[in-house]
Amino acid sequence: MAVAHVVGAGIAGLAAALALHAEGWSVRVFERSADLRATGGGIGITPNGVLALDEIGVGRVIRARSVVQLHGGVRTPNGRWLARSSLDFVERRYGRPILALPRTSLVRTLAEALPPGAVEFGARAEPVHLGDRGTPAVLRVGDAELESDLLVGADGIRSAVRRAIFPQHPGLRSGGSVSWRAIVPARGLMPDAAETWGRGLRFSVLPLPGDEVHFSALARIAVRRGADRPHDLFGGWHDPIPLLLERASAIFFDEIEELTQPLDGFASGRTVLVGDAAHPMTPNVGSANLALEDAVELARATTPGRPLSGGLARYDEMRRPRTTRLSRMSRWMGRVAELSSPSAVALRNGGTWLGGFLPEAVSRRSMDTMVGWVPSSQRST
């Protein structure tokens, strides 16, 4: 049986392993951490991600562990709504809703669906040889060297597999922002899913199952002014933001980074990249959903028994243009939401308010680029 080794047990790695296993690969996943770790709080799964989860066989379980996001909108720090809408149209248009759940639930669901023992923890894995048409890839795990018919780099934003493929690539750059994230009790709050835009500051709220709520607070580095806690920047904003901040017992902090320039390819020899290893980007277009798409397309393109080189070329052709385009879109969306000059903020807010009066068909079409994906196997030719 053809053997696929996956480096990294995050969303991208586990989803890729599950999709490859369903296509007939014998899969092993190597994770350097001692157990499953999925920091960062909650996650929204848009219709493209839900479709991908259905394709790899865990959509039903994820639905049972999620809540459907029914409303969305944008507010100002004093609580005024710039835009507010029902999201009923999402399922009508794309066939699937927007779901929300803790990131840990998604990761554990993917891991539980794999064969027992498929994930090895505390395993530091590094590529030794990328492989080619006639020879396998080689992966060093501890003191052992393992041969791989397919080696999948799913080792995140600072991917060692990516560096092995592209040793001269300049790597990451700052996205210009920092982020704080947490899951807190929602007792008595019933908050709406929404974003609040200030001047170089942004606060997002996402209701979760089990009477919990996720928040993320983003600040432009130039606006942060050395604040160590989100309370210092957002504590005076509209309810329930101050209370959410007070209830946070553990807050995850990150500096937002993205790839300096797009990669020249997602595969070399028998080695391929998925998720943040392939396309690190700012967090505005649902990068986890793109990772789920990667998993589906990689598995469909590399069915055992077919020429691998052609399959990896097809995967690259399907995924690289889309993720490059969405990376640019994500960067632009972040810059708009995090504008800081008073005049620019006034123009942004006025445009957002006026946008609420656009015909629904216009608003819906604007989502198509992000969430209108379907697997290549389902597209008409």
Protein backbone atom coordinates (compact mmCIF):
# COMPACT_ATOMS: atom_id res chain seq x y z
CA MET A 1 0.00 0.00 0.00
CA ALA A 2 1.24 3.50 -0.85
CA VAL A 3 2.46 5.36 2.22
CA ALA A 4 1.81 9.05 2.91
CA HIS A 5 3.58 10.80 5.76
CA VAL A 6 2.11 14.05 7.07
CA VAL A 7 4.15 16.54 9.10
CA GLY A 8 1.88 18.43 11.50
CA ALA A 9 -1.38 17.54 13.28
CA GLY A 10 -3.24 20.81 12.94
CA ILE A 11 -6.37 21.33 10.88
CA ALA A 12 -4.53 21.09 7.56
CA GLY A 13 -2.51 18.00 8.45
CA LEU A 14 -5.34 16.02 10.01
CA ALA A 15 -7.77 16.89 7.23
CA ALA A 16 -5.20 15.94 4.59
CA ALA A 17 -4.47 12.67 6.36
CA LEU A 18 -8.16 11.84 6.62
CA ALA A 19 -8.81 12.66 2.97
CA LEU A 20 -5.77 10.66 1.81
CA HIS A 21 -6.76 7.69 3.96
CA ALA A 22 -10.21 7.69 2.32
CA GLU A 23 -8.50 7.55 -1.10
CA GLY A 24 -6.52 4.44 -0.17
CA TRP A 25 -3.28 5.77 1.28
CA SER A 26 -1.67 4.31 4.39
CA VAL A 27 -1.23 7.46 6.47
CA ARG A 28 0.98 8.42 9.40
CA VAL A 29 0.93 11.88 10.97
CA PHE A 30 3.86 13.23 12.97
CA GLU A 31 3.24 16.01 15.49
CA ARG A 32 6.06 17.58 17.48
CA SER A 33 3.78 18.56 20.42
CA ALA A 34 3.01 16.06 23.14
CA ASP A 35 -0.72 16.12 22.38
CA LEU A 36 -3.30 17.81 20.18
CA ARG A 37 -2.99 21.56 20.50
CA ALA A 38 -5.40 23.98 18.88
CA THR A 39 -4.92 27.39 20.41
CA GLY A 40 -6.74 30.51 19.37
CA GLY A 41 -10.30 29.98 20.57
CA GLY A 42 -13.21 29.59 18.21
CA ILE A 43 -13.45 29.17 14.46
CA GLY A 44 -16.04 29.92 11.83
CA ILE A 45 -16.56 27.31 9.14
CA THR A 46 -17.97 28.91 6.00
CA PRO A 47 -19.86 26.89 3.35
CA ASN A 48 -16.68 25.98 1.46
CA GLY A 49 -15.21 24.53 4.63
CA VAL A 50 -18.44 22.69 5.50
CA LEU A 51 -18.48 21.21 2.01
CA ALA A 52 -14.88 20.07 2.41
CA LEU A 53 -15.72 18.46 5.76
CA ASP A 54 -18.62 16.65 4.11
CA GLU A 55 -16.25 15.43 1.39
CA ILE A 56 -13.88 13.89 3.93
CA GLY A 57 -16.69 12.33 5.96
CA VAL A 58 -16.92 14.38 9.15
CA GLY A 59 -19.46 17.03 8.21
CA ARG A 60 -22.30 15.41 10.15
CA VAL A 61 -20.25 15.24 13.36
CA ILE A 62 -19.07 18.82 12.99
CA ARG A 63 -22.64 20.04 12.53
CA ALA A 64 -23.62 18.32 15.78
CA ARG A 65 -20.77 20.06 17.61
CA SER A 66 -21.40 23.52 16.14
CA VAL A 67 -23.90 26.33 16.14
CA VAL A 68 -25.21 27.97 12.98
CA GLN A 69 -24.32 31.63 12.61
CA LEU A 70 -27.62 33.35 11.88
CA HIS A 71 -26.70 37.04 11.90
CA GLY A 72 -23.73 39.21 11.09
CA GLY A 73 -22.82 42.86 11.06
CA VAL A 74 -20.38 45.68 11.70
CA ARG A 75 -20.54 48.17 14.56
CA THR A 76 -18.68 51.24 15.75
CA PRO A 77 -17.03 51.39 19.21
CA ASN A 78 -20.08 53.20 20.64
CA GLY A 79 -22.31 50.33 19.51
CA ARG A 80 -23.95 51.89 16.45
CA TRP A 81 -24.62 49.39 13.67
CA LEU A 82 -23.05 50.25 10.32
CA ALA A 83 -24.41 47.10 8.72
CA ARG A 84 -26.52 44.22 10.00
CA SER A 85 -28.04 41.30 8.15
CA SER A 86 -29.62 37.90 8.45
CA LEU A 87 -27.40 35.13 7.10
CA ASP A 88 -30.28 32.89 6.00
CA PHE A 89 -29.29 33.53 2.39
CA VAL A 90 -25.94 31.79 2.89
CA GLU A 91 -27.41 28.29 3.04
CA ARG A 92 -29.85 29.06 0.25
CA ARG A 93 -27.07 30.25 -2.03
CA TYR A 94 -24.28 27.80 -1.18
CA GLY A 95 -26.19 24.80 0.15
CA ARG A 96 -24.51 24.94 3.55
CA PRO A 97 -24.58 27.38 6.50
CA ILE A 98 -21.83 29.15 8.41
CA LEU A 99 -20.95 27.09 11.49
CA ALA A 100 -19.03 28.07 14.61
CA LEU A 101 -17.29 25.84 17.13
CA PRO A 102 -14.15 25.76 19.29
CA ARG A 103 -11.03 25.08 17.26
CA THR A 104 -10.23 22.20 19.63
CA SER A 105 -13.51 20.50 18.69
CA LEU A 106 -12.66 20.63 15.00
CA VAL A 107 -9.15 19.29 15.52
CA ARG A 108 -10.30 16.46 17.79
CA THR A 109 -13.09 15.47 15.41
CA LEU A 110 -10.59 15.14 12.56
CA ALA A 111 -8.17 13.15 14.74
CA GLU A 112 -10.89 10.81 16.02
CA ALA A 113 -11.88 9.92 12.46
CA LEU A 114 -8.38 8.63 11.62
CA PRO A 115 -7.37 5.01 12.27
CA PRO A 116 -6.11 4.40 15.83
CA GLY A 117 -2.42 5.19 16.18
CA ALA A 118 -2.24 7.18 12.95
CA VAL A 119 -1.03 10.29 14.82
CA GLU A 120 2.32 10.11 16.62
CA PHE A 121 2.92 12.83 19.18
CA GLY A 122 6.23 14.16 20.42
CA ALA A 123 7.69 13.31 17.00
CA ARG A 124 10.00 15.91 15.52
CA ALA A 125 10.04 15.30 11.77
CA GLU A 126 12.29 16.91 9.16
CA PRO A 127 12.50 16.23 5.42
CA VAL A 128 15.79 14.74 4.23
CA HIS A 129 14.97 14.14 0.57
CA LEU A 130 11.99 15.51 -1.41
CA GLY A 131 11.81 12.44 -3.64
CA ASP A 132 11.34 12.28 -7.38
CA ARG A 133 9.72 10.09 -10.01
CA GLY A 134 11.97 7.12 -9.29
CA THR A 135 12.81 7.46 -5.59
CA PRO A 136 10.75 8.04 -2.46
CA ALA A 137 10.89 11.10 -0.26
CA VAL A 138 12.75 10.59 3.00
CA LEU A 139 11.61 11.95 6.35
CA ARG A 140 13.74 11.90 9.50
CA VAL A 141 11.71 11.26 12.64
CA GLY A 142 13.93 11.20 15.69
CA ASP A 143 16.81 8.87 14.82
CA ALA A 144 14.88 7.00 12.10
CA GLU A 145 14.62 7.78 8.41
CA LEU A 146 11.32 6.85 6.80
CA GLU A 147 10.59 6.52 3.09
CA SER A 148 7.44 8.24 1.82
CA ASP A 149 5.56 7.71 -1.41
CA LEU A 150 4.01 11.09 -0.59
CA LEU A 151 5.29 13.59 1.96
CA VAL A 152 2.83 16.28 3.06
CA GLY A 153 4.08 19.44 4.76
CA ALA A 154 1.30 20.66 7.06
CA ASP A 155 3.63 22.14 9.65
CA GLY A 156 2.21 25.61 9.80
CA ILE A 157 3.31 29.13 9.15
CA ARG A 158 6.98 28.45 9.94
CA SER A 159 7.06 25.25 7.94
CA ALA A 160 10.33 23.31 7.86
CA VAL A 161 9.02 21.41 4.83
CA ARG A 162 8.48 24.69 2.98
CA ARG A 163 12.04 25.76 3.76
CA ALA A 164 13.32 22.44 2.41
CA ILE A 165 11.49 22.98 -0.88
CA PHE A 166 12.32 26.69 -1.14
CA PRO A 167 15.53 27.35 0.83
CA GLN A 168 16.03 30.74 -0.87
CA HIS A 169 12.51 32.05 -0.25
CA PRO A 170 12.52 35.22 1.94
CA GLY A 171 9.89 33.72 4.25
CA LEU A 172 7.49 35.69 6.42
CA ARG A 173 6.82 39.35 7.00
CA SER A 174 4.72 41.24 9.50
CA GLY A 175 1.08 41.71 8.60
CA GLY A 176 1.16 44.95 10.55
CA SER A 177 -1.14 43.84 13.37
CA VAL A 178 -1.27 41.89 16.62
CA SER A 179 -4.12 39.74 17.87
CA TRP A 180 -5.57 38.61 21.19
CA ARG A 181 -8.08 35.71 21.22
CA ALA A 182 -10.06 33.85 23.85
CA ILE A 183 -13.13 31.74 24.57
CA VAL A 184 -15.19 32.98 27.54
CA PRO A 185 -18.53 32.12 29.19
CA ALA A 186 -21.48 33.84 27.53
CA ARG A 187 -23.71 33.69 30.62
CA GLY A 188 -26.69 35.97 30.08
CA LEU A 189 -25.10 37.90 27.22
CA MET A 190 -26.48 36.34 24.02
CA PRO A 191 -24.14 38.45 21.87
CA ASP A 192 -24.59 38.86 18.15
CA ALA A 193 -21.88 37.65 15.80
CA ALA A 194 -20.34 40.91 14.68
CA GLU A 195 -17.21 42.95 14.14
CA THR A 196 -16.60 46.34 15.69
CA TRP A 197 -14.29 48.69 13.80
CA GLY A 198 -12.40 51.51 15.47
CA ARG A 199 -9.34 53.47 14.42
CA GLY A 200 -6.67 50.86 13.77
CA LEU A 201 -8.56 48.52 16.10
CA ARG A 202 -11.01 45.71 15.45
CA PHE A 203 -12.99 43.43 17.79
CA SER A 204 -14.83 40.29 16.59
CA VAL A 205 -17.43 38.25 18.48
CA LEU A 206 -18.49 34.72 17.53
CA PRO A 207 -21.07 32.76 19.59
CA LEU A 208 -20.12 29.12 20.19
CA PRO A 209 -21.91 25.99 21.44
CA GLY A 210 -22.25 25.36 25.15
CA ASP A 211 -23.04 28.96 26.17
CA GLU A 212 -19.59 30.21 25.23
CA VAL A 213 -18.36 32.98 22.97
CA HIS A 214 -15.12 33.58 21.11
CA PHE A 215 -13.58 37.01 20.75
CA SER A 216 -10.61 38.27 18.83
CA ALA A 217 -9.13 41.73 19.24
CA LEU A 218 -6.79 43.06 16.55
CA ALA A 219 -4.67 46.19 16.71
CA ARG A 220 -2.39 47.77 14.16
CA ILE A 221 1.14 47.76 15.55
CA ALA A 222 1.34 51.54 15.14
CA VAL A 223 -1.86 51.94 17.20
CA ARG A 224 -1.08 49.40 19.90
CA ARG A 225 1.26 51.84 21.68
CA GLY A 226 2.79 49.12 23.82
CA ALA A 227 -0.51 47.93 25.33
CA ASP A 228 0.04 44.46 26.79
CA ARG A 229 -3.64 43.65 27.27
CA PRO A 230 -6.66 44.15 25.01
CA HIS A 231 -8.43 45.68 28.02
CA ASP A 232 -6.26 48.79 27.62
CA LEU A 233 -7.45 49.33 24.05
CA PHE A 234 -11.00 47.99 24.01
CA GLY A 235 -12.19 48.34 27.63
CA GLY A 236 -14.23 51.45 26.86
CA TRP A 237 -16.04 50.03 23.84
CA HIS A 238 -19.73 49.10 23.71
CA ASP A 239 -21.27 46.23 25.67
CA PRO A 240 -20.63 43.34 25.94
CA ILE A 241 -16.95 43.89 24.99
CA PRO A 242 -15.75 45.06 28.46
CA LEU A 243 -17.47 42.11 30.13
CA LEU A 244 -16.04 39.61 27.63
CA LEU A 245 -12.57 40.93 28.39
CA GLU A 246 -13.18 40.64 32.15
CA ARG A 247 -14.30 37.02 31.79
CA ALA A 248 -11.20 35.92 29.85
CA SER A 249 -9.01 33.69 32.02
CA ALA A 250 -6.61 32.73 29.22
CA ILE A 251 -5.87 34.98 26.25
CA PHE A 252 -3.76 33.88 23.29
CA PHE A 253 -1.55 36.55 21.73
CA ASP A 254 -0.02 36.51 18.26
CA GLU A 255 1.73 38.86 15.90
CA ILE A 256 0.03 38.56 12.52
CA GLU A 257 2.39 37.41 9.78
CA GLU A 258 2.05 36.49 6.12
CA LEU A 259 4.24 35.17 3.33
CA THR A 260 6.52 37.83 1.89
CA GLN A 261 5.75 36.68 -1.65
CA PRO A 262 3.75 33.76 -3.08
CA LEU A 263 5.57 30.48 -3.58
CA ASP A 264 6.55 29.36 -7.06
CA GLY A 265 4.78 26.06 -6.46
CA PHE A 266 3.16 23.93 -3.78
CA ALA A 267 4.99 20.69 -4.65
CA SER A 268 8.43 19.36 -5.51
CA GLY A 269 9.24 15.73 -6.23
CA ARG A 270 7.02 13.69 -3.92
CA THR A 271 6.63 16.49 -1.37
CA VAL A 272 3.67 18.85 -1.18
CA LEU A 273 2.44 21.70 1.05
CA VAL A 274 -1.03 22.31 2.48
CA GLY A 275 -2.61 24.94 4.73
CA ASP A 276 -0.47 27.60 6.36
CA ALA A 277 2.67 25.82 5.23
CA ALA A 278 1.67 26.64 1.65
CA HIS A 279 -0.08 30.00 1.97
CA PRO A 280 0.30 31.88 5.26
CA MET A 281 -1.96 34.94 5.16
CA THR A 282 -3.66 37.50 7.35
CA PRO A 283 -6.80 36.20 9.13
CA ASN A 284 -9.60 37.77 7.09
CA VAL A 285 -10.82 35.17 4.59
CA GLY A 286 -10.95 31.98 6.65
CA SER A 287 -7.57 30.35 6.12
CA ALA A 288 -8.68 27.20 7.97
CA ASN A 289 -11.41 26.74 5.37
CA LEU A 290 -8.78 27.01 2.65
CA ALA A 291 -6.76 24.32 4.41
CA LEU A 292 -9.80 22.04 4.32
CA GLU A 293 -10.15 22.72 0.60
CA ASP A 294 -6.45 21.85 0.17
CA ALA A 295 -7.02 18.49 1.84
CA VAL A 296 -9.87 17.53 -0.48
CA GLU A 297 -8.11 18.59 -3.68
CA LEU A 298 -4.82 16.94 -2.71
CA ALA A 299 -6.49 13.61 -2.02
CA ARG A 300 -8.54 13.68 -5.21
CA ALA A 301 -5.44 14.50 -7.28
CA THR A 302 -3.19 11.81 -5.82
CA THR A 303 -5.19 8.61 -5.82
CA PRO A 304 -2.75 5.68 -5.41
CA GLY A 305 -2.02 3.91 -8.66
CA ARG A 306 -2.06 7.07 -10.76
CA PRO A 307 1.10 9.00 -11.71
CA LEU A 308 1.97 11.14 -8.69
CA SER A 309 3.81 13.87 -10.58
CA GLY A 310 0.77 14.65 -12.69
CA GLY A 311 -1.49 14.62 -9.65
CA LEU A 312 0.69 17.04 -7.73
CA ALA A 313 0.85 19.31 -10.76
CA ARG A 314 -2.96 19.33 -10.90
CA TYR A 315 -3.15 20.09 -7.18
CA ASP A 316 -0.78 23.01 -7.63
CA GLU A 317 -2.75 24.28 -10.61
CA MET A 318 -6.01 24.14 -8.65
CA ARG A 319 -4.82 25.59 -5.36
CA ARG A 320 -2.08 28.14 -5.95
CA PRO A 321 -4.03 30.70 -8.03
CA ARG A 322 -7.00 30.62 -5.62
CA THR A 323 -4.97 30.96 -2.43
CA THR A 324 -2.76 33.67 -3.93
CA ARG A 325 -5.82 35.67 -4.93
CA LEU A 326 -7.42 35.24 -1.51
CA SER A 327 -4.20 36.18 0.25
CA ARG A 328 -4.26 39.52 -1.56
CA MET A 329 -7.96 39.91 -0.74
CA SER A 330 -7.31 39.17 2.92
CA ARG A 331 -4.56 41.78 3.08
CA TRP A 332 -6.85 44.39 1.51
CA MET A 333 -9.78 43.54 3.80
CA GLY A 334 -7.57 43.87 6.87
CA ARG A 335 -6.27 47.24 5.79
CA VAL A 336 -9.80 48.55 5.27
CA ALA A 337 -11.09 47.23 8.60
CA GLU A 338 -8.05 48.57 10.47
CA LEU A 339 -7.79 52.06 8.96
CA SER A 340 -6.71 54.61 11.55
CA SER A 341 -6.83 58.15 10.16
CA PRO A 342 -10.09 59.98 11.06
CA SER A 343 -10.91 60.89 7.45
CA ALA A 344 -10.29 57.36 6.17
CA VAL A 345 -12.35 55.86 8.98
CA ALA A 346 -15.23 58.22 8.21
CA LEU A 347 -15.17 57.23 4.54
CA ARG A 348 -14.97 53.53 5.42
CA ASN A 349 -17.86 53.72 7.86
CA GLY A 350 -20.00 55.72 5.46
CA GLY A 351 -19.32 53.27 2.66
CA THR A 352 -20.15 50.31 4.91
CA TRP A 353 -23.44 51.93 5.96
CA LEU A 354 -24.39 52.72 2.38
CA GLY A 355 -23.48 49.18 1.38
CA GLY A 356 -26.33 47.96 3.55
CA PHE A 357 -28.73 49.42 1.01
CA LEU A 358 -27.32 47.46 -1.93
CA PRO A 359 -29.59 44.83 -3.48
CA GLU A 360 -29.20 41.49 -1.76
CA ALA A 361 -28.02 39.86 -4.99
CA VAL A 362 -25.07 42.27 -5.14
CA SER A 363 -24.09 41.58 -1.52
CA ARG A 364 -24.35 37.84 -2.05
CA ARG A 365 -22.15 37.84 -5.13
CA SER A 366 -19.39 39.56 -3.18
CA MET A 367 -19.03 36.38 -1.10
CA ASP A 368 -18.67 34.04 -4.05
CA THR A 369 -14.92 34.42 -4.43
CA MET A 370 -14.33 33.47 -0.82
CA VAL A 371 -16.88 30.75 -0.08
CA GLY A 372 -18.22 29.62 -3.45
CA TRP A 373 -15.65 26.85 -3.88
CA VAL A 374 -16.68 23.37 -4.95
CA PRO A 375 -14.29 20.43 -5.40
CA SER A 376 -12.80 20.08 -8.85
CA SER A 377 -14.43 16.65 -9.12
CA GLN A 378 -17.87 18.30 -8.95
CA ARG A 379 -17.25 21.08 -11.46
CA SER A 380 -18.80 20.88 -14.88
CA THR A 381 -16.31 20.66 -17.73
